[in-house]
Amino acid sequence: MECRRIIISGSVQGVGFRYYVKRLAERLFVLGTVKNLPDCTVEIIAQATDLAVFIEGLRDGPGEIRDIEVRQEQPSDLSAFRIVS
């Protein structure tokens, strides 16, 4: 199981990006969370057997993505994918 912290920068708040990420995660059986950060980026914690397709699919979301930063995290006990406020 791999786990990643993904930071999306660009124009990704207020355009439905978090809802897109949740639908993508559910379709690909990815567990985790997505939330807006105060610096106008979006943070995703994603956990699955293989995250390559999920991470690539983020580029197709609404808004204008400038950068995707991916860092390895320790897997945790997640049971679903949810939007965090």
N, C-alpha and C. Protein backbone atom coordinates (compact mmCIF):
# COMPACT_ATOMS: atom_id res chain seq x y z
N MET A 1 0.85 -1.18 0.00
CA MET A 1 0.00 0.00 0.00
C MET A 1 0.89 1.24 0.00
N GLU A 2 0.64 2.15 -0.92
CA GLU A 2 1.41 3.39 -0.92
C GLU A 2 0.52 4.55 -0.48
N CYS A 3 1.16 5.53 0.13
CA CYS A 3 0.45 6.71 0.62
C CYS A 3 1.24 7.94 0.21
N ARG A 4 0.54 8.95 -0.31
CA ARG A 4 1.19 10.17 -0.78
C ARG A 4 0.44 11.40 -0.27
N ARG A 5 1.20 12.45 0.02
CA ARG A 5 0.64 13.79 0.28
C ARG A 5 0.86 14.56 -1.00
N ILE A 6 -0.22 15.04 -1.59
CA ILE A 6 -0.16 15.71 -2.88
C ILE A 6 -0.66 17.14 -2.69
N ILE A 7 0.14 18.11 -3.12
CA ILE A 7 -0.25 19.51 -3.06
C ILE A 7 -0.45 20.00 -4.49
N ILE A 8 -1.65 20.51 -4.76
CA ILE A 8 -2.00 21.03 -6.08
C ILE A 8 -2.02 22.54 -5.98
N SER A 9 -1.26 23.22 -6.83
CA SER A 9 -1.28 24.68 -6.85
C SER A 9 -1.79 25.16 -8.21
N GLY A 10 -2.30 26.36 -8.20
CA GLY A 10 -2.90 26.96 -9.39
C GLY A 10 -4.26 27.53 -9.00
N SER A 11 -5.16 27.62 -9.96
CA SER A 11 -6.52 28.09 -9.69
C SER A 11 -7.40 26.87 -9.47
N VAL A 12 -7.36 26.33 -8.26
CA VAL A 12 -8.05 25.08 -7.96
C VAL A 12 -9.04 25.18 -6.80
N GLN A 13 -9.22 26.36 -6.26
CA GLN A 13 -10.24 26.53 -5.22
C GLN A 13 -11.42 27.29 -5.80
N GLY A 14 -12.63 26.86 -5.41
CA GLY A 14 -13.83 27.52 -5.88
C GLY A 14 -14.28 27.08 -7.27
N VAL A 15 -13.73 25.97 -7.77
CA VAL A 15 -14.08 25.49 -9.11
C VAL A 15 -14.58 24.05 -9.11
N GLY A 16 -14.80 23.48 -7.93
CA GLY A 16 -15.27 22.10 -7.82
C GLY A 16 -14.16 21.06 -7.86
N PHE A 17 -12.93 21.48 -7.65
CA PHE A 17 -11.79 20.56 -7.74
C PHE A 17 -11.86 19.47 -6.68
N ARG A 18 -12.19 19.80 -5.44
CA ARG A 18 -12.26 18.78 -4.38
C ARG A 18 -13.30 17.71 -4.71
N TYR A 19 -14.42 18.11 -5.27
CA TYR A 19 -15.47 17.14 -5.63
C TYR A 19 -15.01 16.25 -6.78
N TYR A 20 -14.27 16.84 -7.73
CA TYR A 20 -13.69 16.04 -8.81
C TYR A 20 -12.73 14.99 -8.24
N VAL A 21 -11.87 15.42 -7.31
CA VAL A 21 -10.89 14.51 -6.70
C VAL A 21 -11.60 13.38 -5.96
N LYS A 22 -12.67 13.69 -5.24
CA LYS A 22 -13.41 12.66 -4.51
C LYS A 22 -14.01 11.64 -5.48
N ARG A 23 -14.62 12.10 -6.55
CA ARG A 23 -15.21 11.17 -7.53
C ARG A 23 -14.13 10.31 -8.19
N LEU A 24 -12.98 10.92 -8.53
CA LEU A 24 -11.87 10.18 -9.13
C LEU A 24 -11.37 9.12 -8.16
N ALA A 25 -11.19 9.49 -6.90
CA ALA A 25 -10.69 8.56 -5.88
C ALA A 25 -11.66 7.39 -5.70
N GLU A 26 -12.93 7.67 -5.64
CA GLU A 26 -13.91 6.59 -5.47
C GLU A 26 -13.91 5.65 -6.67
N ARG A 27 -13.76 6.20 -7.87
CA ARG A 27 -13.73 5.37 -9.07
C ARG A 27 -12.51 4.46 -9.11
N LEU A 28 -11.38 4.95 -8.55
CA LEU A 28 -10.13 4.19 -8.59
C LEU A 28 -9.81 3.48 -7.27
N PHE A 29 -10.76 3.46 -6.35
CA PHE A 29 -10.60 2.78 -5.06
C PHE A 29 -9.42 3.33 -4.25
N VAL A 30 -9.31 4.65 -4.23
CA VAL A 30 -8.28 5.35 -3.46
C VAL A 30 -8.91 5.84 -2.16
N LEU A 31 -8.22 5.65 -1.06
CA LEU A 31 -8.66 6.13 0.25
C LEU A 31 -7.94 7.43 0.57
N GLY A 32 -8.54 8.28 1.42
CA GLY A 32 -7.84 9.48 1.84
C GLY A 32 -8.73 10.67 2.07
N THR A 33 -8.13 11.86 1.91
CA THR A 33 -8.83 13.12 2.14
C THR A 33 -8.37 14.16 1.12
N VAL A 34 -9.22 15.17 0.95
CA VAL A 34 -8.86 16.33 0.14
C VAL A 34 -9.38 17.57 0.87
N LYS A 35 -8.57 18.63 0.89
CA LYS A 35 -9.02 19.86 1.54
C LYS A 35 -8.32 21.07 0.95
N ASN A 36 -9.01 22.21 1.03
CA ASN A 36 -8.42 23.49 0.64
C ASN A 36 -7.50 23.96 1.75
N LEU A 37 -6.36 24.52 1.39
CA LEU A 37 -5.43 25.10 2.36
C LEU A 37 -5.50 26.62 2.28
N PRO A 38 -5.14 27.32 3.36
CA PRO A 38 -5.21 28.78 3.39
C PRO A 38 -4.38 29.48 2.31
N ASP A 39 -3.34 28.82 1.80
CA ASP A 39 -2.48 29.45 0.79
C ASP A 39 -3.02 29.26 -0.64
N CYS A 40 -4.30 28.86 -0.76
CA CYS A 40 -5.00 28.67 -2.04
C CYS A 40 -4.58 27.41 -2.79
N THR A 41 -3.86 26.51 -2.13
CA THR A 41 -3.56 25.21 -2.72
C THR A 41 -4.57 24.19 -2.21
N VAL A 42 -4.53 23.00 -2.77
CA VAL A 42 -5.37 21.89 -2.33
C VAL A 42 -4.46 20.76 -1.89
N GLU A 43 -4.73 20.20 -0.71
CA GLU A 43 -3.94 19.09 -0.18
C GLU A 43 -4.75 17.80 -0.30
N ILE A 44 -4.10 16.77 -0.82
CA ILE A 44 -4.71 15.46 -0.94
C ILE A 44 -3.83 14.46 -0.21
N ILE A 45 -4.42 13.66 0.66
CA ILE A 45 -3.75 12.50 1.23
C ILE A 45 -4.39 11.31 0.53
N ALA A 46 -3.60 10.55 -0.21
CA ALA A 46 -4.13 9.45 -1.01
C ALA A 46 -3.40 8.16 -0.68
N GLN A 47 -4.17 7.09 -0.58
CA GLN A 47 -3.60 5.79 -0.23
C GLN A 47 -4.27 4.71 -1.08
N ALA A 48 -3.45 3.89 -1.74
CA ALA A 48 -3.95 2.79 -2.57
C ALA A 48 -2.77 1.89 -2.91
N THR A 49 -3.07 0.79 -3.58
CA THR A 49 -2.02 -0.12 -4.01
C THR A 49 -1.12 0.54 -5.04
N ASP A 50 -1.73 1.30 -5.97
CA ASP A 50 -0.98 2.01 -7.01
C ASP A 50 -1.66 3.35 -7.25
N LEU A 51 -0.92 4.44 -7.10
CA LEU A 51 -1.50 5.78 -7.21
C LEU A 51 -1.16 6.48 -8.52
N ALA A 52 -0.46 5.84 -9.42
CA ALA A 52 -0.02 6.51 -10.65
C ALA A 52 -1.18 7.04 -11.48
N VAL A 53 -2.20 6.23 -11.71
CA VAL A 53 -3.35 6.65 -12.53
C VAL A 53 -4.12 7.77 -11.82
N PHE A 54 -4.26 7.67 -10.51
CA PHE A 54 -4.95 8.71 -9.74
C PHE A 54 -4.21 10.04 -9.86
N ILE A 55 -2.91 10.04 -9.65
CA ILE A 55 -2.14 11.28 -9.71
C ILE A 55 -2.20 11.88 -11.11
N GLU A 56 -2.10 11.08 -12.13
CA GLU A 56 -2.19 11.59 -13.50
C GLU A 56 -3.58 12.15 -13.77
N GLY A 57 -4.61 11.50 -13.24
CA GLY A 57 -5.98 11.96 -13.44
C GLY A 57 -6.28 13.30 -12.80
N LEU A 58 -5.49 13.71 -11.82
CA LEU A 58 -5.69 15.01 -11.18
C LEU A 58 -5.53 16.15 -12.18
N ARG A 59 -4.69 15.97 -13.19
CA ARG A 59 -4.45 17.01 -14.20
C ARG A 59 -5.70 17.33 -15.02
N ASP A 60 -6.67 16.42 -15.06
CA ASP A 60 -7.88 16.62 -15.84
C ASP A 60 -8.99 17.32 -15.06
N GLY A 61 -8.72 17.67 -13.82
CA GLY A 61 -9.74 18.30 -12.98
C GLY A 61 -10.04 19.73 -13.40
N PRO A 62 -11.11 20.29 -12.85
CA PRO A 62 -11.47 21.67 -13.17
C PRO A 62 -10.46 22.66 -12.61
N GLY A 63 -10.41 23.82 -13.19
CA GLY A 63 -9.47 24.85 -12.76
C GLY A 63 -8.21 24.79 -13.59
N GLU A 64 -7.23 25.52 -13.16
CA GLU A 64 -5.96 25.60 -13.87
C GLU A 64 -4.84 25.14 -12.93
N ILE A 65 -4.28 23.98 -13.20
CA ILE A 65 -3.24 23.42 -12.34
C ILE A 65 -1.88 23.93 -12.79
N ARG A 66 -1.16 24.51 -11.86
CA ARG A 66 0.18 25.02 -12.15
C ARG A 66 1.25 23.98 -11.77
N ASP A 67 1.02 23.28 -10.64
CA ASP A 67 2.03 22.34 -10.17
C ASP A 67 1.38 21.25 -9.32
N ILE A 68 1.96 20.06 -9.38
CA ILE A 68 1.56 18.95 -8.51
C ILE A 68 2.81 18.47 -7.79
N GLU A 69 2.80 18.63 -6.48
CA GLU A 69 3.92 18.20 -5.63
C GLU A 69 3.51 16.94 -4.90
N VAL A 70 4.33 15.89 -5.00
CA VAL A 70 3.99 14.60 -4.40
C VAL A 70 5.08 14.21 -3.42
N ARG A 71 4.67 13.88 -2.20
CA ARG A 71 5.61 13.41 -1.17
C ARG A 71 5.10 12.10 -0.59
N GLN A 72 6.02 11.24 -0.26
CA GLN A 72 5.67 9.96 0.35
C GLN A 72 5.25 10.17 1.79
N GLU A 73 4.21 9.45 2.21
CA GLU A 73 3.72 9.47 3.58
C GLU A 73 3.64 8.04 4.09
N GLN A 74 3.51 7.90 5.39
CA GLN A 74 3.29 6.59 5.98
C GLN A 74 1.82 6.21 5.81
N PRO A 75 1.52 5.00 5.37
CA PRO A 75 0.12 4.57 5.28
C PRO A 75 -0.56 4.66 6.65
N SER A 76 -1.85 5.00 6.62
CA SER A 76 -2.59 5.08 7.87
C SER A 76 -3.89 4.29 7.72
N ASP A 77 -4.66 4.28 8.75
CA ASP A 77 -5.89 3.49 8.81
C ASP A 77 -7.05 4.30 8.23
N LEU A 78 -7.22 4.28 6.92
CA LEU A 78 -8.29 5.00 6.25
C LEU A 78 -9.34 4.01 5.77
N SER A 79 -10.61 4.46 5.75
CA SER A 79 -11.67 3.53 5.30
C SER A 79 -12.46 4.06 4.12
N ALA A 80 -12.24 5.31 3.71
CA ALA A 80 -12.98 5.91 2.61
C ALA A 80 -12.19 7.11 2.09
N PHE A 81 -12.77 7.82 1.14
CA PHE A 81 -12.18 9.08 0.68
C PHE A 81 -13.20 10.16 1.00
N ARG A 82 -12.73 11.23 1.65
CA ARG A 82 -13.68 12.27 2.04
C ARG A 82 -13.10 13.67 1.86
N ILE A 83 -14.01 14.62 1.73
CA ILE A 83 -13.64 16.04 1.67
C ILE A 83 -13.60 16.56 3.08
N VAL A 84 -12.51 17.22 3.43
CA VAL A 84 -12.32 17.80 4.77
C VAL A 84 -12.39 19.31 4.64
N SER A 85 -13.12 19.95 5.56
CA SER A 85 -13.19 21.42 5.48
C SER A 85 -12.13 22.08 6.32
